[in-house]
Amino acid sequence: MRSRCAVVPRGEGERARKYLSERGILRKDLRISRDGDSILIPVAARGKVPYATRTAEFAPSEKRPTSYKEHVDLPRKLHPLLPSAFDIVGDVAIIKLPDELTGHASAIGKAIIGAQKSIKSVALDEGVEGEARIRKLLVIAGRKTMLTVHKENGLRLKVDPSVVYFSPRLASERARVAGQVGEGENVIDMFAGVGPFSLLVARRVKSSRIDAIDINTKAIKLLKENIELNKTANVRAHIGDASKIVPRLKGADRVIMNLPHSAHEFLKCALRVCRKGATIHLYQHITRDETDGRWGEIASKCMEAGAKVRLQRYVIVHPYSPSSGIVCYDIKIVGFTRARG
């Protein structure tokens, strides 16, 4: 393919390539070539080039862009606003954009698919909605459906992030919790979603029994499919309000409460079914300056419910915003001060 190019002395090739790339002039779809003692660097048809230029024939570049930013066609002044990271669930990319870029959403989505072969669909995250904190997603490029299979910690999880809550950022946290489960434990996963915590525990500790609960019918449908997909018969799926289902369960050795905005409201319910020595993993959305204060509130709730507890561990799971985050309190049940109904 013929293209305008910069004619650069051989010893200045890399410096010239970097200079032209930073100014958006470099053509990355064509291979740089040599002509005697000169390096020929393909450049855009327009743009000021501080080297001699000419027209030459170039082979297409086989190298895929390492970043979607190299592939997106945007006014140069908007490039600094492009997000550097986004969530990937299976083959679905979920991206947040500032208002200045929403008019270019389709072009950005196509650039992501062009840069990463594994991505089949790109969705714009327009925020979370409702008690279940489900993301409002708009497909901006690629396949219209968001039903996908996400691979994590040796599991295959059917997920549709447009109808169920799922965060790929919690993979290492799920592994941390599953790694604490002992043989024969009874585990209650109060807000299970499609089952990433439950299924990982079940896979790693085959003698465990897990009761997985969710109020979202679509999440439970996918959870049941995931139980079959991962051959984890030691998981029982329950649909409904955890506050009504948990009291029917007895003898919990571990309770997972991953509903950061409101899990603390269900704490007394969880304590009613815990054995002495049980562990509760309580996830909370907190501001950076209320860490100690929140534990005081949690300990008071436990005391009111007749439970003696101690904080085993406090884990920052991931930042939520510049001023807040998602944390996990690992709470050990030391004993009970009175009989529980």
C-alpha atoms as a PDB file:
ATOM      1  CA  MET A   1       0.000   0.000   0.000  1.00  0.00           C
ATOM      2  CA  ARG A   2       1.338   3.423  -0.936  1.00  0.00           C
ATOM      3  CA  SER A   3       1.587   6.041   1.783  1.00  0.00           C
ATOM      4  CA  ARG A   4       3.247   9.279   2.660  1.00  0.00           C
ATOM      5  CA  CYS A   5       6.262   8.639   4.893  1.00  0.00           C
ATOM      6  CA  ALA A   6       8.952  10.391   6.905  1.00  0.00           C
ATOM      7  CA  VAL A   7      12.508   9.764   5.707  1.00  0.00           C
ATOM      8  CA  VAL A   8      14.649   9.439   8.837  1.00  0.00           C
ATOM      9  CA  PRO A   9      18.395   8.736   9.289  1.00  0.00           C
ATOM     10  CA  ARG A  10      18.913   5.187  10.518  1.00  0.00           C
ATOM     11  CA  GLY A  11      20.180   6.153  13.993  1.00  0.00           C
ATOM     12  CA  GLU A  12      17.088   8.301  14.695  1.00  0.00           C
ATOM     13  CA  GLY A  13      14.400   5.758  13.811  1.00  0.00           C
ATOM     14  CA  GLU A  14      13.048   4.956  17.285  1.00  0.00           C
ATOM     15  CA  ARG A  15      13.062   8.576  18.453  1.00  0.00           C
ATOM     16  CA  ALA A  16      11.224   9.642  15.294  1.00  0.00           C
ATOM     17  CA  ARG A  17       8.689   6.809  15.597  1.00  0.00           C
ATOM     18  CA  LYS A  18       7.885   7.798  19.198  1.00  0.00           C
ATOM     19  CA  TYR A  19       7.601  11.492  18.275  1.00  0.00           C
ATOM     20  CA  LEU A  20       5.206  10.767  15.408  1.00  0.00           C
ATOM     21  CA  SER A  21       3.138   8.327  17.504  1.00  0.00           C
ATOM     22  CA  GLU A  22       2.685  10.815  20.357  1.00  0.00           C
ATOM     23  CA  ARG A  23       1.320  13.374  17.907  1.00  0.00           C
ATOM     24  CA  GLY A  24      -1.091  10.934  16.280  1.00  0.00           C
ATOM     25  CA  ILE A  25       0.685  11.131  12.903  1.00  0.00           C
ATOM     26  CA  LEU A  26       2.180   7.626  12.788  1.00  0.00           C
ATOM     27  CA  ARG A  27       0.332   5.056  10.657  1.00  0.00           C
ATOM     28  CA  LYS A  28       0.301   1.900  12.763  1.00  0.00           C
ATOM     29  CA  ASP A  29      -1.495  -0.148  10.120  1.00  0.00           C
ATOM     30  CA  LEU A  30       1.645  -0.182   7.954  1.00  0.00           C
ATOM     31  CA  ARG A  31       5.120  -1.604   8.580  1.00  0.00           C
ATOM     32  CA  ILE A  32       8.134   0.674   8.898  1.00  0.00           C
ATOM     33  CA  SER A  33      10.723  -0.117   6.179  1.00  0.00           C
ATOM     34  CA  ARG A  34      14.298   0.719   5.136  1.00  0.00           C
ATOM     35  CA  ASP A  35      15.805   2.286   2.064  1.00  0.00           C
ATOM     36  CA  GLY A  36      19.608   2.235   2.229  1.00  0.00           C
ATOM     37  CA  ASP A  37      20.708   4.283   5.234  1.00  0.00           C
ATOM     38  CA  SER A  38      17.237   5.741   5.753  1.00  0.00           C
ATOM     39  CA  ILE A  39      14.233   4.555   7.771  1.00  0.00           C
ATOM     40  CA  LEU A  40      10.851   5.068   6.077  1.00  0.00           C
ATOM     41  CA  ILE A  41       8.112   5.670   8.616  1.00  0.00           C
ATOM     42  CA  PRO A  42       4.543   5.731   7.216  1.00  0.00           C
ATOM     43  CA  VAL A  43       2.584   8.786   8.352  1.00  0.00           C
ATOM     44  CA  ALA A  44      -0.893  10.250   7.921  1.00  0.00           C
ATOM     45  CA  ALA A  45      -1.640  12.176   4.730  1.00  0.00           C
ATOM     46  CA  ARG A  46      -1.895  15.369   6.758  1.00  0.00           C
ATOM     47  CA  GLY A  47       0.059  16.653   9.711  1.00  0.00           C
ATOM     48  CA  LYS A  48       3.324  18.501  10.219  1.00  0.00           C
ATOM     49  CA  VAL A  49       6.342  16.171   9.996  1.00  0.00           C
ATOM     50  CA  PRO A  50       9.793  17.544  10.982  1.00  0.00           C
ATOM     51  CA  TYR A  51      11.563  15.283   8.470  1.00  0.00           C
ATOM     52  CA  ALA A  52      11.780  15.000   4.709  1.00  0.00           C
ATOM     53  CA  THR A  53       8.751  13.200   3.292  1.00  0.00           C
ATOM     54  CA  ARG A  54       7.981  11.176   0.207  1.00  0.00           C
ATOM     55  CA  THR A  55       5.594   8.494  -1.022  1.00  0.00           C
ATOM     56  CA  ALA A  56       6.547   4.821  -0.829  1.00  0.00           C
ATOM     57  CA  GLU A  57       5.070   1.320  -0.858  1.00  0.00           C
ATOM     58  CA  PHE A  58       4.494  -0.377   2.525  1.00  0.00           C
ATOM     59  CA  ALA A  59       3.361  -3.816   3.701  1.00  0.00           C
ATOM     60  CA  PRO A  60       0.413  -3.949   6.085  1.00  0.00           C
ATOM     61  CA  SER A  61       1.281  -4.376   9.742  1.00  0.00           C
ATOM     62  CA  GLU A  62       0.413  -7.759  11.236  1.00  0.00           C
ATOM     63  CA  LYS A  63       0.685  -6.501  14.795  1.00  0.00           C
ATOM     64  CA  ARG A  64      -2.653  -5.852  16.494  1.00  0.00           C
ATOM     65  CA  PRO A  65      -2.862  -2.693  18.575  1.00  0.00           C
ATOM     66  CA  THR A  66      -1.793  -3.311  22.187  1.00  0.00           C
ATOM     67  CA  SER A  67      -4.417  -0.839  23.370  1.00  0.00           C
ATOM     68  CA  TYR A  68      -7.816   0.083  21.992  1.00  0.00           C
ATOM     69  CA  LYS A  69      -6.715   3.709  22.319  1.00  0.00           C
ATOM     70  CA  GLU A  70      -4.421   3.181  19.342  1.00  0.00           C
ATOM     71  CA  HIS A  71      -7.376   2.020  17.276  1.00  0.00           C
ATOM     72  CA  VAL A  72     -10.065   4.595  18.067  1.00  0.00           C
ATOM     73  CA  ASP A  73     -10.773   7.533  15.765  1.00  0.00           C
ATOM     74  CA  LEU A  74     -11.333  10.560  18.019  1.00  0.00           C
ATOM     75  CA  PRO A  75     -10.406  14.235  18.025  1.00  0.00           C
ATOM     76  CA  ARG A  76      -6.953  14.431  19.615  1.00  0.00           C
ATOM     77  CA  LYS A  77      -8.144  16.612  22.507  1.00  0.00           C
ATOM     78  CA  LEU A  78     -10.501  13.822  23.662  1.00  0.00           C
ATOM     79  CA  HIS A  79      -7.895  11.043  23.797  1.00  0.00           C
ATOM     80  CA  PRO A  80      -6.798  11.828  27.374  1.00  0.00           C
ATOM     81  CA  LEU A  81     -10.392  11.166  28.517  1.00  0.00           C
ATOM     82  CA  LEU A  82     -10.395   7.550  27.290  1.00  0.00           C
ATOM     83  CA  PRO A  83     -10.549   5.112  30.224  1.00  0.00           C
ATOM     84  CA  SER A  84      -7.431   3.019  30.709  1.00  0.00           C
ATOM     85  CA  ALA A  85      -9.259   0.018  32.188  1.00  0.00           C
ATOM     86  CA  PHE A  86     -12.654  -1.661  32.067  1.00  0.00           C
ATOM     87  CA  ASP A  87     -14.316  -4.831  33.330  1.00  0.00           C
ATOM     88  CA  ILE A  88     -14.368  -7.952  31.192  1.00  0.00           C
ATOM     89  CA  VAL A  89     -17.009 -10.595  31.928  1.00  0.00           C
ATOM     90  CA  GLY A  90     -16.484 -13.586  29.656  1.00  0.00           C
ATOM     91  CA  ASP A  91     -16.384 -12.057  26.179  1.00  0.00           C
ATOM     92  CA  VAL A  92     -18.261  -8.889  27.213  1.00  0.00           C
ATOM     93  CA  ALA A  93     -16.396  -5.642  27.936  1.00  0.00           C
ATOM     94  CA  ILE A  94     -18.150  -3.175  30.254  1.00  0.00           C
ATOM     95  CA  ILE A  95     -16.900   0.398  30.050  1.00  0.00           C
ATOM     96  CA  LYS A  96     -17.705   3.703  31.746  1.00  0.00           C
ATOM     97  CA  LEU A  97     -17.361   6.933  29.780  1.00  0.00           C
ATOM     98  CA  PRO A  98     -17.379  10.596  30.783  1.00  0.00           C
ATOM     99  CA  ASP A  99     -20.109  12.759  29.252  1.00  0.00           C
ATOM    100  CA  GLU A 100     -17.669  14.202  26.718  1.00  0.00           C
ATOM    101  CA  LEU A 101     -17.192  10.746  25.142  1.00  0.00           C
ATOM    102  CA  THR A 102     -20.737   9.334  25.117  1.00  0.00           C
ATOM    103  CA  GLY A 103     -21.319  10.653  21.600  1.00  0.00           C
ATOM    104  CA  HIS A 104     -18.337   8.553  20.489  1.00  0.00           C
ATOM    105  CA  ALA A 105     -19.410   5.404  22.353  1.00  0.00           C
ATOM    106  CA  SER A 106     -19.931   3.297  19.239  1.00  0.00           C
ATOM    107  CA  ALA A 107     -16.495   4.159  17.830  1.00  0.00           C
ATOM    108  CA  ILE A 108     -14.873   3.356  21.178  1.00  0.00           C
ATOM    109  CA  GLY A 109     -16.723   0.033  21.400  1.00  0.00           C
ATOM    110  CA  LYS A 110     -15.624  -0.959  17.909  1.00  0.00           C
ATOM    111  CA  ALA A 111     -12.037  -0.021  18.780  1.00  0.00           C
ATOM    112  CA  ILE A 112     -12.099  -2.326  21.820  1.00  0.00           C
ATOM    113  CA  ILE A 113     -13.346  -5.231  19.703  1.00  0.00           C
ATOM    114  CA  GLY A 114     -10.709  -4.398  17.083  1.00  0.00           C
ATOM    115  CA  ALA A 115      -7.950  -4.440  19.682  1.00  0.00           C
ATOM    116  CA  GLN A 116      -8.991  -7.594  21.566  1.00  0.00           C
ATOM    117  CA  LYS A 117     -10.080 -10.653  19.605  1.00  0.00           C
ATOM    118  CA  SER A 118     -11.668 -12.264  22.656  1.00  0.00           C
ATOM    119  CA  ILE A 119     -14.211  -9.426  23.087  1.00  0.00           C
ATOM    120  CA  LYS A 120     -17.478 -10.012  21.229  1.00  0.00           C
ATOM    121  CA  SER A 121     -19.666  -7.365  22.832  1.00  0.00           C
ATOM    122  CA  VAL A 122     -19.053  -3.954  24.428  1.00  0.00           C
ATOM    123  CA  ALA A 123     -21.559  -2.362  26.804  1.00  0.00           C
ATOM    124  CA  LEU A 124     -21.700   1.122  28.269  1.00  0.00           C
ATOM    125  CA  ASP A 125     -22.197   1.132  32.043  1.00  0.00           C
ATOM    126  CA  GLU A 126     -24.811   3.760  32.904  1.00  0.00           C
ATOM    127  CA  GLY A 127     -24.829   3.084  36.652  1.00  0.00           C
ATOM    128  CA  VAL A 128     -26.476   0.632  39.040  1.00  0.00           C
ATOM    129  CA  GLU A 129     -30.189   0.342  39.712  1.00  0.00           C
ATOM    130  CA  GLY A 130     -32.418  -1.130  42.400  1.00  0.00           C
ATOM    131  CA  GLU A 131     -31.848  -3.086  45.586  1.00  0.00           C
ATOM    132  CA  ALA A 132     -29.911  -5.803  43.735  1.00  0.00           C
ATOM    133  CA  ARG A 133     -27.417  -3.191  42.413  1.00  0.00           C
ATOM    134  CA  ILE A 134     -27.738  -4.417  38.818  1.00  0.00           C
ATOM    135  CA  ARG A 135     -25.898  -2.375  36.236  1.00  0.00           C
ATOM    136  CA  LYS A 136     -27.853  -0.544  33.556  1.00  0.00           C
ATOM    137  CA  LEU A 137     -25.992  -1.560  30.401  1.00  0.00           C
ATOM    138  CA  LEU A 138     -26.291  -0.385  26.807  1.00  0.00           C
ATOM    139  CA  VAL A 139     -24.620  -2.413  24.050  1.00  0.00           C
ATOM    140  CA  ILE A 140     -22.541  -0.021  21.931  1.00  0.00           C
ATOM    141  CA  ALA A 141     -20.698  -2.490  19.686  1.00  0.00           C
ATOM    142  CA  GLY A 142     -20.679  -6.147  18.687  1.00  0.00           C
ATOM    143  CA  ARG A 143     -23.099  -8.889  19.644  1.00  0.00           C
ATOM    144  CA  LYS A 144     -26.356  -7.654  21.175  1.00  0.00           C
ATOM    145  CA  THR A 145     -26.759 -10.324  23.845  1.00  0.00           C
ATOM    146  CA  MET A 146     -24.673 -10.121  27.007  1.00  0.00           C
ATOM    147  CA  LEU A 147     -25.143 -13.737  28.077  1.00  0.00           C
ATOM    148  CA  THR A 148     -21.642 -15.144  28.293  1.00  0.00           C
ATOM    149  CA  VAL A 149     -19.459 -17.747  30.013  1.00  0.00           C
ATOM    150  CA  HIS A 150     -16.890 -16.268  32.394  1.00  0.00           C
ATOM    151  CA  LYS A 151     -13.879 -18.346  33.442  1.00  0.00           C
ATOM    152  CA  GLU A 152     -12.541 -17.772  36.947  1.00  0.00           C
ATOM    153  CA  ASN A 153     -10.591 -19.834  39.479  1.00  0.00           C
ATOM    154  CA  GLY A 154     -11.161 -23.004  37.451  1.00  0.00           C
ATOM    155  CA  LEU A 155     -14.926 -22.421  37.190  1.00  0.00           C
ATOM    156  CA  ARG A 156     -17.106 -21.765  34.162  1.00  0.00           C
ATOM    157  CA  LEU A 157     -19.867 -19.332  35.067  1.00  0.00           C
ATOM    158  CA  LYS A 158     -22.861 -18.455  32.911  1.00  0.00           C
ATOM    159  CA  VAL A 159     -23.442 -14.736  33.477  1.00  0.00           C
ATOM    160  CA  ASP A 160     -25.623 -12.033  32.002  1.00  0.00           C
ATOM    161  CA  PRO A 161     -24.367  -8.794  33.609  1.00  0.00           C
ATOM    162  CA  SER A 162     -27.411  -6.911  32.343  1.00  0.00           C
ATOM    163  CA  VAL A 163     -29.764  -8.896  34.605  1.00  0.00           C
ATOM    164  CA  VAL A 164     -27.597 -10.087  37.531  1.00  0.00           C
ATOM    165  CA  TYR A 165     -24.922  -8.564  39.749  1.00  0.00           C
ATOM    166  CA  PHE A 166     -21.440  -9.885  38.970  1.00  0.00           C
ATOM    167  CA  SER A 167     -18.016  -8.341  39.536  1.00  0.00           C
ATOM    168  CA  PRO A 168     -14.943  -9.950  37.930  1.00  0.00           C
ATOM    169  CA  ARG A 169     -12.836  -7.832  40.305  1.00  0.00           C
ATOM    170  CA  LEU A 170     -13.726 -10.147  43.188  1.00  0.00           C
ATOM    171  CA  ALA A 171     -11.980 -13.229  41.773  1.00  0.00           C
ATOM    172  CA  SER A 172      -9.062 -13.120  44.220  1.00  0.00           C
ATOM    173  CA  GLU A 173     -11.410 -12.307  47.122  1.00  0.00           C
ATOM    174  CA  ARG A 174     -13.557 -15.322  46.296  1.00  0.00           C
ATOM    175  CA  ALA A 175     -10.426 -17.464  46.273  1.00  0.00           C
ATOM    176  CA  ARG A 176      -9.383 -16.004  49.654  1.00  0.00           C
ATOM    177  CA  VAL A 177     -12.688 -16.944  51.268  1.00  0.00           C
ATOM    178  CA  ALA A 178     -12.868 -20.398  49.682  1.00  0.00           C
ATOM    179  CA  GLY A 179      -9.343 -21.078  50.902  1.00  0.00           C
ATOM    180  CA  GLN A 180     -10.534 -20.762  54.530  1.00  0.00           C
ATOM    181  CA  VAL A 181     -13.297 -23.370  54.281  1.00  0.00           C
ATOM    182  CA  GLY A 182     -12.608 -26.615  56.112  1.00  0.00           C
ATOM    183  CA  GLU A 183     -13.790 -30.159  55.458  1.00  0.00           C
ATOM    184  CA  GLY A 184     -17.466 -30.775  56.132  1.00  0.00           C
ATOM    185  CA  GLU A 185     -18.427 -27.143  56.688  1.00  0.00           C
ATOM    186  CA  ASN A 186     -21.994 -25.952  56.252  1.00  0.00           C
ATOM    187  CA  VAL A 187     -21.857 -22.658  54.339  1.00  0.00           C
ATOM    188  CA  ILE A 188     -24.643 -20.155  53.690  1.00  0.00           C
ATOM    189  CA  ASP A 189     -24.166 -17.746  50.780  1.00  0.00           C
ATOM    190  CA  MET A 190     -26.901 -15.206  51.508  1.00  0.00           C
ATOM    191  CA  PHE A 191     -26.676 -13.135  48.304  1.00  0.00           C
ATOM    192  CA  ALA A 192     -25.258 -15.700  45.897  1.00  0.00           C
ATOM    193  CA  GLY A 193     -26.034 -14.264  42.453  1.00  0.00           C
ATOM    194  CA  VAL A 194     -24.910 -16.776  39.805  1.00  0.00           C
ATOM    195  CA  GLY A 195     -22.852 -18.583  42.463  1.00  0.00           C
ATOM    196  CA  PRO A 196     -19.152 -17.635  42.154  1.00  0.00           C
ATOM    197  CA  PHE A 197     -18.520 -17.920  45.923  1.00  0.00           C
ATOM    198  CA  SER A 198     -20.696 -21.002  46.404  1.00  0.00           C
ATOM    199  CA  LEU A 199     -19.392 -22.937  43.432  1.00  0.00           C
ATOM    200  CA  LEU A 200     -15.750 -22.263  44.254  1.00  0.00           C
ATOM    201  CA  VAL A 201     -16.215 -23.499  47.823  1.00  0.00           C
ATOM    202  CA  ALA A 202     -18.078 -26.562  46.529  1.00  0.00           C
ATOM    203  CA  ARG A 203     -15.377 -27.350  43.974  1.00  0.00           C
ATOM    204  CA  ARG A 204     -12.473 -26.955  46.412  1.00  0.00           C
ATOM    205  CA  VAL A 205     -14.066 -28.631  49.453  1.00  0.00           C
ATOM    206  CA  LYS A 206     -16.216 -31.467  48.153  1.00  0.00           C
ATOM    207  CA  SER A 207     -17.357 -32.482  51.650  1.00  0.00           C
ATOM    208  CA  SER A 208     -18.878 -29.041  52.252  1.00  0.00           C
ATOM    209  CA  ARG A 209     -22.575 -28.236  51.898  1.00  0.00           C
ATOM    210  CA  ILE A 210     -23.552 -24.824  50.559  1.00  0.00           C
ATOM    211  CA  ASP A 211     -26.962 -23.164  50.663  1.00  0.00           C
ATOM    212  CA  ALA A 212     -26.974 -20.410  48.020  1.00  0.00           C
ATOM    213  CA  ILE A 213     -29.745 -17.807  48.208  1.00  0.00           C
ATOM    214  CA  ASP A 214     -30.819 -14.963  45.948  1.00  0.00           C
ATOM    215  CA  ILE A 215     -33.995 -12.961  45.456  1.00  0.00           C
ATOM    216  CA  ASN A 216     -33.310 -12.476  41.726  1.00  0.00           C
ATOM    217  CA  THR A 217     -35.097 -15.221  39.732  1.00  0.00           C
ATOM    218  CA  LYS A 218     -32.776 -14.767  36.745  1.00  0.00           C
ATOM    219  CA  ALA A 219     -29.725 -15.133  38.962  1.00  0.00           C
ATOM    220  CA  ILE A 220     -31.070 -18.374  40.451  1.00  0.00           C
ATOM    221  CA  LYS A 221     -31.842 -19.760  36.988  1.00  0.00           C
ATOM    222  CA  LEU A 222     -28.220 -19.157  35.977  1.00  0.00           C
ATOM    223  CA  LEU A 223     -26.976 -20.492  39.322  1.00  0.00           C
ATOM    224  CA  LYS A 224     -28.788 -23.791  38.738  1.00  0.00           C
ATOM    225  CA  GLU A 225     -27.236 -24.019  35.267  1.00  0.00           C
ATOM    226  CA  ASN A 226     -23.827 -23.285  36.772  1.00  0.00           C
ATOM    227  CA  ILE A 227     -24.265 -26.046  39.360  1.00  0.00           C
ATOM    228  CA  GLU A 228     -24.754 -28.479  36.474  1.00  0.00           C
ATOM    229  CA  LEU A 229     -21.984 -26.939  34.386  1.00  0.00           C
ATOM    230  CA  ASN A 230     -19.431 -27.273  37.196  1.00  0.00           C
ATOM    231  CA  LYS A 231     -20.752 -30.569  38.593  1.00  0.00           C
ATOM    232  CA  THR A 232     -21.157 -29.184  42.114  1.00  0.00           C
ATOM    233  CA  ALA A 233     -24.059 -31.184  43.529  1.00  0.00           C
ATOM    234  CA  ASN A 234     -23.205 -30.023  47.074  1.00  0.00           C
ATOM    235  CA  VAL A 235     -24.754 -26.595  46.316  1.00  0.00           C
ATOM    236  CA  ARG A 236     -28.471 -26.106  46.977  1.00  0.00           C
ATOM    237  CA  ALA A 237     -30.119 -23.104  45.298  1.00  0.00           C
ATOM    238  CA  HIS A 238     -32.872 -21.163  47.100  1.00  0.00           C
ATOM    239  CA  ILE A 239     -34.906 -18.362  45.542  1.00  0.00           C
ATOM    240  CA  GLY A 240     -36.326 -15.650  47.768  1.00  0.00           C
ATOM    241  CA  ASP A 241     -35.601 -13.134  50.508  1.00  0.00           C
ATOM    242  CA  ALA A 242     -32.605 -14.252  52.576  1.00  0.00           C
ATOM    243  CA  SER A 243     -34.218 -12.957  55.783  1.00  0.00           C
ATOM    244  CA  LYS A 244     -37.025 -15.502  55.312  1.00  0.00           C
ATOM    245  CA  ILE A 245     -34.955 -18.422  54.021  1.00  0.00           C
ATOM    246  CA  VAL A 246     -31.961 -18.271  56.392  1.00  0.00           C
ATOM    247  CA  PRO A 247     -34.024 -18.921  59.595  1.00  0.00           C
ATOM    248  CA  ARG A 248     -35.081 -22.269  58.090  1.00  0.00           C
ATOM    249  CA  LEU A 249     -31.416 -23.311  57.856  1.00  0.00           C
ATOM    250  CA  LYS A 250     -29.453 -24.531  60.868  1.00  0.00           C
ATOM    251  CA  GLY A 251     -25.901 -25.055  61.985  1.00  0.00           C
ATOM    252  CA  ALA A 252     -23.889 -22.713  59.765  1.00  0.00           C
ATOM    253  CA  ASP A 253     -20.102 -22.873  60.055  1.00  0.00           C
ATOM    254  CA  ARG A 254     -19.650 -19.955  57.646  1.00  0.00           C
ATOM    255  CA  VAL A 255     -21.885 -17.233  56.226  1.00  0.00           C
ATOM    256  CA  ILE A 256     -20.980 -15.133  53.179  1.00  0.00           C
ATOM    257  CA  MET A 257     -22.767 -11.763  53.044  1.00  0.00           C
ATOM    258  CA  ASN A 258     -21.729 -10.082  49.799  1.00  0.00           C
ATOM    259  CA  LEU A 259     -24.244  -7.246  49.496  1.00  0.00           C
ATOM    260  CA  PRO A 260     -22.027  -4.259  50.381  1.00  0.00           C
ATOM    261  CA  HIS A 261     -24.686  -1.544  50.587  1.00  0.00           C
ATOM    262  CA  SER A 262     -27.069  -3.356  52.930  1.00  0.00           C
ATOM    263  CA  ALA A 263     -25.639  -6.686  54.196  1.00  0.00           C
ATOM    264  CA  HIS A 264     -25.359  -5.302  57.748  1.00  0.00           C
ATOM    265  CA  GLU A 265     -29.171  -5.146  57.870  1.00  0.00           C
ATOM    266  CA  PHE A 266     -29.228  -8.967  57.695  1.00  0.00           C
ATOM    267  CA  LEU A 267     -26.537  -9.553  60.331  1.00  0.00           C
ATOM    268  CA  LYS A 268     -28.870 -10.569  63.174  1.00  0.00           C
ATOM    269  CA  CYS A 269     -30.597 -13.011  60.831  1.00  0.00           C
ATOM    270  CA  ALA A 270     -27.232 -14.621  60.016  1.00  0.00           C
ATOM    271  CA  LEU A 271     -26.200 -14.838  63.662  1.00  0.00           C
ATOM    272  CA  ARG A 272     -29.353 -16.820  64.510  1.00  0.00           C
ATOM    273  CA  VAL A 273     -28.122 -19.828  62.519  1.00  0.00           C
ATOM    274  CA  CYS A 274     -24.391 -19.676  63.276  1.00  0.00           C
ATOM    275  CA  ARG A 275     -22.664 -22.229  65.441  1.00  0.00           C
ATOM    276  CA  LYS A 276     -20.090 -21.282  68.058  1.00  0.00           C
ATOM    277  CA  GLY A 277     -16.792 -20.883  66.185  1.00  0.00           C
ATOM    278  CA  ALA A 278     -18.491 -19.930  62.893  1.00  0.00           C
ATOM    279  CA  THR A 279     -17.147 -17.202  60.611  1.00  0.00           C
ATOM    280  CA  ILE A 280     -19.144 -14.459  58.900  1.00  0.00           C
ATOM    281  CA  HIS A 281     -17.703 -12.657  55.881  1.00  0.00           C
ATOM    282  CA  LEU A 282     -19.539  -9.326  55.919  1.00  0.00           C
ATOM    283  CA  TYR A 283     -18.992  -7.017  52.930  1.00  0.00           C
ATOM    284  CA  GLN A 284     -19.556  -3.301  53.364  1.00  0.00           C
ATOM    285  CA  HIS A 285     -19.429  -0.130  51.306  1.00  0.00           C
ATOM    286  CA  ILE A 286     -17.675   2.417  53.513  1.00  0.00           C
ATOM    287  CA  THR A 287     -16.028   5.807  53.298  1.00  0.00           C
ATOM    288  CA  ARG A 288     -12.307   5.951  54.013  1.00  0.00           C
ATOM    289  CA  ASP A 289     -12.743   7.671  57.369  1.00  0.00           C
ATOM    290  CA  GLU A 290     -15.379   5.371  58.924  1.00  0.00           C
ATOM    291  CA  THR A 291     -13.534   2.035  59.079  1.00  0.00           C
ATOM    292  CA  ASP A 292     -13.211   1.872  62.872  1.00  0.00           C
ATOM    293  CA  GLY A 293     -16.645   3.383  63.433  1.00  0.00           C
ATOM    294  CA  ARG A 294     -18.318   0.804  61.225  1.00  0.00           C
ATOM    295  CA  TRP A 295     -16.745  -2.085  63.126  1.00  0.00           C
ATOM    296  CA  GLY A 296     -18.094  -0.590  66.348  1.00  0.00           C
ATOM    297  CA  GLU A 297     -21.600  -0.621  64.861  1.00  0.00           C
ATOM    298  CA  ILE A 298     -21.185  -4.207  63.675  1.00  0.00           C
ATOM    299  CA  ALA A 299     -19.921  -5.388  67.066  1.00  0.00           C
ATOM    300  CA  SER A 300     -22.863  -3.653  68.777  1.00  0.00           C
ATOM    301  CA  LYS A 301     -25.360  -5.400  66.476  1.00  0.00           C
ATOM    302  CA  CYS A 302     -23.772  -8.737  67.313  1.00  0.00           C
ATOM    303  CA  MET A 303     -23.924  -8.002  71.044  1.00  0.00           C
ATOM    304  CA  GLU A 304     -27.613  -7.056  70.770  1.00  0.00           C
ATOM    305  CA  ALA A 305     -28.230 -10.411  69.081  1.00  0.00           C
ATOM    306  CA  GLY A 306     -26.532 -12.214  71.977  1.00  0.00           C
ATOM    307  CA  ALA A 307     -23.321 -13.081  70.134  1.00  0.00           C
ATOM    308  CA  LYS A 308     -19.775 -12.597  71.410  1.00  0.00           C
ATOM    309  CA  VAL A 309     -17.539 -11.873  68.424  1.00  0.00           C
ATOM    310  CA  ARG A 310     -14.039 -10.781  67.487  1.00  0.00           C
ATOM    311  CA  LEU A 311     -12.694  -9.295  64.287  1.00  0.00           C
ATOM    312  CA  GLN A 312     -10.425 -11.862  62.642  1.00  0.00           C
ATOM    313  CA  ARG A 313      -9.496  -9.801  59.639  1.00  0.00           C
ATOM    314  CA  TYR A 314     -10.320  -6.573  57.829  1.00  0.00           C
ATOM    315  CA  VAL A 315      -9.746  -6.705  54.065  1.00  0.00           C
ATOM    316  CA  ILE A 316      -9.918  -3.868  51.534  1.00  0.00           C
ATOM    317  CA  VAL A 317     -11.470  -5.691  48.591  1.00  0.00           C
ATOM    318  CA  HIS A 318     -11.229  -2.899  46.015  1.00  0.00           C
ATOM    319  CA  PRO A 319     -11.596   0.882  45.802  1.00  0.00           C
ATOM    320  CA  TYR A 320     -15.130   2.000  45.062  1.00  0.00           C
ATOM    321  CA  SER A 321     -14.436   5.656  44.398  1.00  0.00           C
ATOM    322  CA  PRO A 322     -11.781   8.199  45.395  1.00  0.00           C
ATOM    323  CA  SER A 323     -13.439   8.560  48.801  1.00  0.00           C
ATOM    324  CA  SER A 324     -14.889   5.103  49.534  1.00  0.00           C
ATOM    325  CA  GLY A 325     -14.358   1.403  49.051  1.00  0.00           C
ATOM    326  CA  ILE A 326     -15.656  -2.148  49.447  1.00  0.00           C
ATOM    327  CA  VAL A 327     -14.255  -3.988  52.466  1.00  0.00           C
ATOM    328  CA  CYS A 328     -14.797  -7.347  54.115  1.00  0.00           C
ATOM    329  CA  TYR A 329     -14.992  -7.949  57.862  1.00  0.00           C
ATOM    330  CA  ASP A 330     -14.124 -11.562  58.757  1.00  0.00           C
ATOM    331  CA  ILE A 331     -16.054 -12.015  62.013  1.00  0.00           C
ATOM    332  CA  LYS A 332     -15.452 -14.971  64.353  1.00  0.00           C
ATOM    333  CA  ILE A 333     -18.307 -16.119  66.633  1.00  0.00           C
ATOM    334  CA  VAL A 334     -16.651 -16.715  70.002  1.00  0.00           C
ATOM    335  CA  GLY A 335     -19.846 -17.673  71.809  1.00  0.00           C
ATOM    336  CA  PHE A 336     -23.380 -16.673  72.775  1.00  0.00           C
ATOM    337  CA  THR A 337     -24.641 -14.881  75.862  1.00  0.00           C
ATOM    338  CA  ARG A 338     -28.183 -16.236  75.601  1.00  0.00           C
ATOM    339  CA  ALA A 339     -30.249 -18.839  73.810  1.00  0.00           C
ATOM    340  CA  ARG A 340     -31.396 -17.950  70.319  1.00  0.00           C
ATOM    341  CA  GLY A 341     -34.902 -18.400  68.985  1.00  0.00           C
END
